[in-house]
C-alpha atoms as a PDB file:
ATOM      1  CA  MET A   1       0.000   0.000   0.000  1.00  0.00           C
ATOM      2  CA  THR A   2       1.326   3.435  -0.940  1.00  0.00           C
ATOM      3  CA  LYS A   3       1.666   6.036   1.785  1.00  0.00           C
ATOM      4  CA  MET A   4      -0.139   9.322   1.098  1.00  0.00           C
ATOM      5  CA  ILE A   5       1.114  12.668   2.388  1.00  0.00           C
ATOM      6  CA  GLY A   6       0.112  16.273   1.725  1.00  0.00           C
ATOM      7  CA  ALA A   7       2.565  18.531  -0.103  1.00  0.00           C
ATOM      8  CA  ALA A   8       2.949  20.912   2.861  1.00  0.00           C
ATOM      9  CA  GLN A   9       3.700  18.042   5.234  1.00  0.00           C
ATOM     10  CA  PHE A  10       6.073  16.507   2.690  1.00  0.00           C
ATOM     11  CA  LYS A  11       7.943  19.801   2.458  1.00  0.00           C
ATOM     12  CA  ALA A  12       8.327  19.923   6.236  1.00  0.00           C
ATOM     13  CA  GLU A  13       9.356  16.261   6.611  1.00  0.00           C
ATOM     14  CA  CYS A  14      11.092  15.554   3.294  1.00  0.00           C
ATOM     15  CA  LEU A  15      14.440  14.286   4.606  1.00  0.00           C
ATOM     16  CA  ARG A  16      12.834  12.089   7.267  1.00  0.00           C
ATOM     17  CA  LEU A  17      10.442  10.577   4.697  1.00  0.00           C
ATOM     18  CA  ILE A  18      13.293   9.857   2.282  1.00  0.00           C
ATOM     19  CA  GLU A  19      15.256   8.151   5.055  1.00  0.00           C
ATOM     20  CA  ARG A  20      12.259   6.031   6.070  1.00  0.00           C
ATOM     21  CA  MET A  21      11.555   5.117   2.444  1.00  0.00           C
ATOM     22  CA  SER A  22      15.139   3.937   1.952  1.00  0.00           C
ATOM     23  CA  GLU A  23      14.607   1.555   4.888  1.00  0.00           C
ATOM     24  CA  ASP A  24      11.112   0.188   4.165  1.00  0.00           C
ATOM     25  CA  HIS A  25      11.231   0.555   0.323  1.00  0.00           C
ATOM     26  CA  GLU A  26       7.603   1.729   0.184  1.00  0.00           C
ATOM     27  CA  PRO A  27       6.708   4.543  -2.261  1.00  0.00           C
ATOM     28  CA  VAL A  28       5.162   7.780  -1.003  1.00  0.00           C
ATOM     29  CA  THR A  29       2.425   9.582  -2.945  1.00  0.00           C
ATOM     30  CA  ILE A  30       2.401  13.345  -2.499  1.00  0.00           C
ATOM     31  CA  THR A  31      -0.988  15.038  -2.695  1.00  0.00           C
ATOM     32  CA  LYS A  32      -2.139  18.600  -3.122  1.00  0.00           C
ATOM     33  CA  ARG A  33      -5.674  19.346  -1.979  1.00  0.00           C
ATOM     34  CA  GLY A  34      -6.321  15.606  -1.785  1.00  0.00           C
ATOM     35  CA  ARG A  35      -5.239  14.869  -5.374  1.00  0.00           C
ATOM     36  CA  PRO A  36      -2.085  12.863  -6.104  1.00  0.00           C
ATOM     37  CA  VAL A  37       0.524  15.042  -7.828  1.00  0.00           C
ATOM     38  CA  ALA A  38       3.753  13.050  -7.472  1.00  0.00           C
ATOM     39  CA  THR A  39       5.142   9.738  -6.322  1.00  0.00           C
ATOM     40  CA  LEU A  40       8.453   9.308  -4.556  1.00  0.00           C
ATOM     41  CA  GLN A  41       9.795   5.790  -4.897  1.00  0.00           C
ATOM     42  CA  PRO A  42      13.065   4.119  -3.947  1.00  0.00           C
ATOM     43  CA  VAL A  43      15.715   3.510  -6.579  1.00  0.00           C
ATOM     44  CA  LYS A  44      16.430  -0.111  -7.333  1.00  0.00           C
ATOM     45  CA  SER A  45      19.777  -1.401  -6.210  1.00  0.00           C
ATOM     46  CA  GLN A  46      22.582   0.023  -8.330  1.00  0.00           C
ATOM     47  CA  GLU A  47      25.195  -2.623  -7.728  1.00  0.00           C
ATOM     48  CA  PRO A  48      28.088  -2.460 -10.152  1.00  0.00           C
ATOM     49  CA  ALA A  49      27.378  -4.689 -13.113  1.00  0.00           C
ATOM     50  CA  SER A  50      29.707  -7.569 -13.751  1.00  0.00           C
ATOM     51  CA  ILE A  51      31.694  -7.392 -16.956  1.00  0.00           C
ATOM     52  CA  VAL A  52      30.975 -11.083 -17.454  1.00  0.00           C
ATOM     53  CA  GLY A  53      27.868 -11.292 -19.612  1.00  0.00           C
ATOM     54  CA  ALA A  54      27.626  -7.518 -20.083  1.00  0.00           C
ATOM     55  CA  MET A  55      27.296  -7.877 -23.877  1.00  0.00           C
ATOM     56  CA  ARG A  56      24.766 -10.734 -23.710  1.00  0.00           C
ATOM     57  CA  GLY A  57      22.098 -10.339 -26.377  1.00  0.00           C
ATOM     58  CA  SER A  58      24.034  -7.767 -28.389  1.00  0.00           C
ATOM     59  CA  VAL A  59      25.234 -10.058 -31.217  1.00  0.00           C
ATOM     60  CA  LEU A  60      23.011  -9.611 -34.251  1.00  0.00           C
ATOM     61  CA  ARG A  61      24.647 -12.198 -36.522  1.00  0.00           C
ATOM     62  CA  PHE A  62      27.008 -15.064 -35.861  1.00  0.00           C
ATOM     63  CA  ASP A  63      27.570 -16.905 -39.146  1.00  0.00           C
ATOM     64  CA  ASP A  64      31.126 -18.226 -38.976  1.00  0.00           C
ATOM     65  CA  PRO A  65      33.400 -16.711 -36.348  1.00  0.00           C
ATOM     66  CA  LEU A  66      36.528 -18.347 -37.790  1.00  0.00           C
ATOM     67  CA  ALA A  67      36.043 -17.136 -41.370  1.00  0.00           C
ATOM     68  CA  PRO A  68      38.244 -14.233 -42.548  1.00  0.00           C
ATOM     69  CA  VAL A  69      36.619 -10.808 -42.493  1.00  0.00           C
ATOM     70  CA  LEU A  70      37.883  -9.990 -46.001  1.00  0.00           C
ATOM     71  CA  GLU A  71      38.998 -12.086 -48.924  1.00  0.00           C
ATOM     72  CA  PRO A  72      42.813 -12.133 -49.310  1.00  0.00           C
ATOM     73  CA  GLY A  73      42.617 -10.162 -52.568  1.00  0.00           C
ATOM     74  CA  ASP A  74      40.520  -7.355 -50.980  1.00  0.00           C
ATOM     75  CA  TRP A  75      43.398  -5.857 -48.980  1.00  0.00           C
ATOM     76  CA  ASN A  76      47.056  -5.067 -49.400  1.00  0.00           C
ATOM     77  CA  ALA A  77      49.271  -4.868 -46.336  1.00  0.00           C
ATOM     78  CA  ALA A  78      52.005  -3.091 -48.295  1.00  0.00           C
ATOM     79  CA  ARG A  79      49.947   0.102 -48.893  1.00  0.00           C
END
């Protein structure tokens, strides 16, 4: 269940509410004259991503990984 709080009360208690939200991970809906105007929600964990598997799903084609990129006649190393 989302906590509801008026904008004036939120302004007065902002830092305390943010601290509590970081502990209980429950979003807070801010209202103005009884109408919801904003939602404050915790950020998901931002653990550093592992480099292993970081490119997973990025390969578009994988025909023959051992085939040469160019034909031998298409390039000249002496240029």
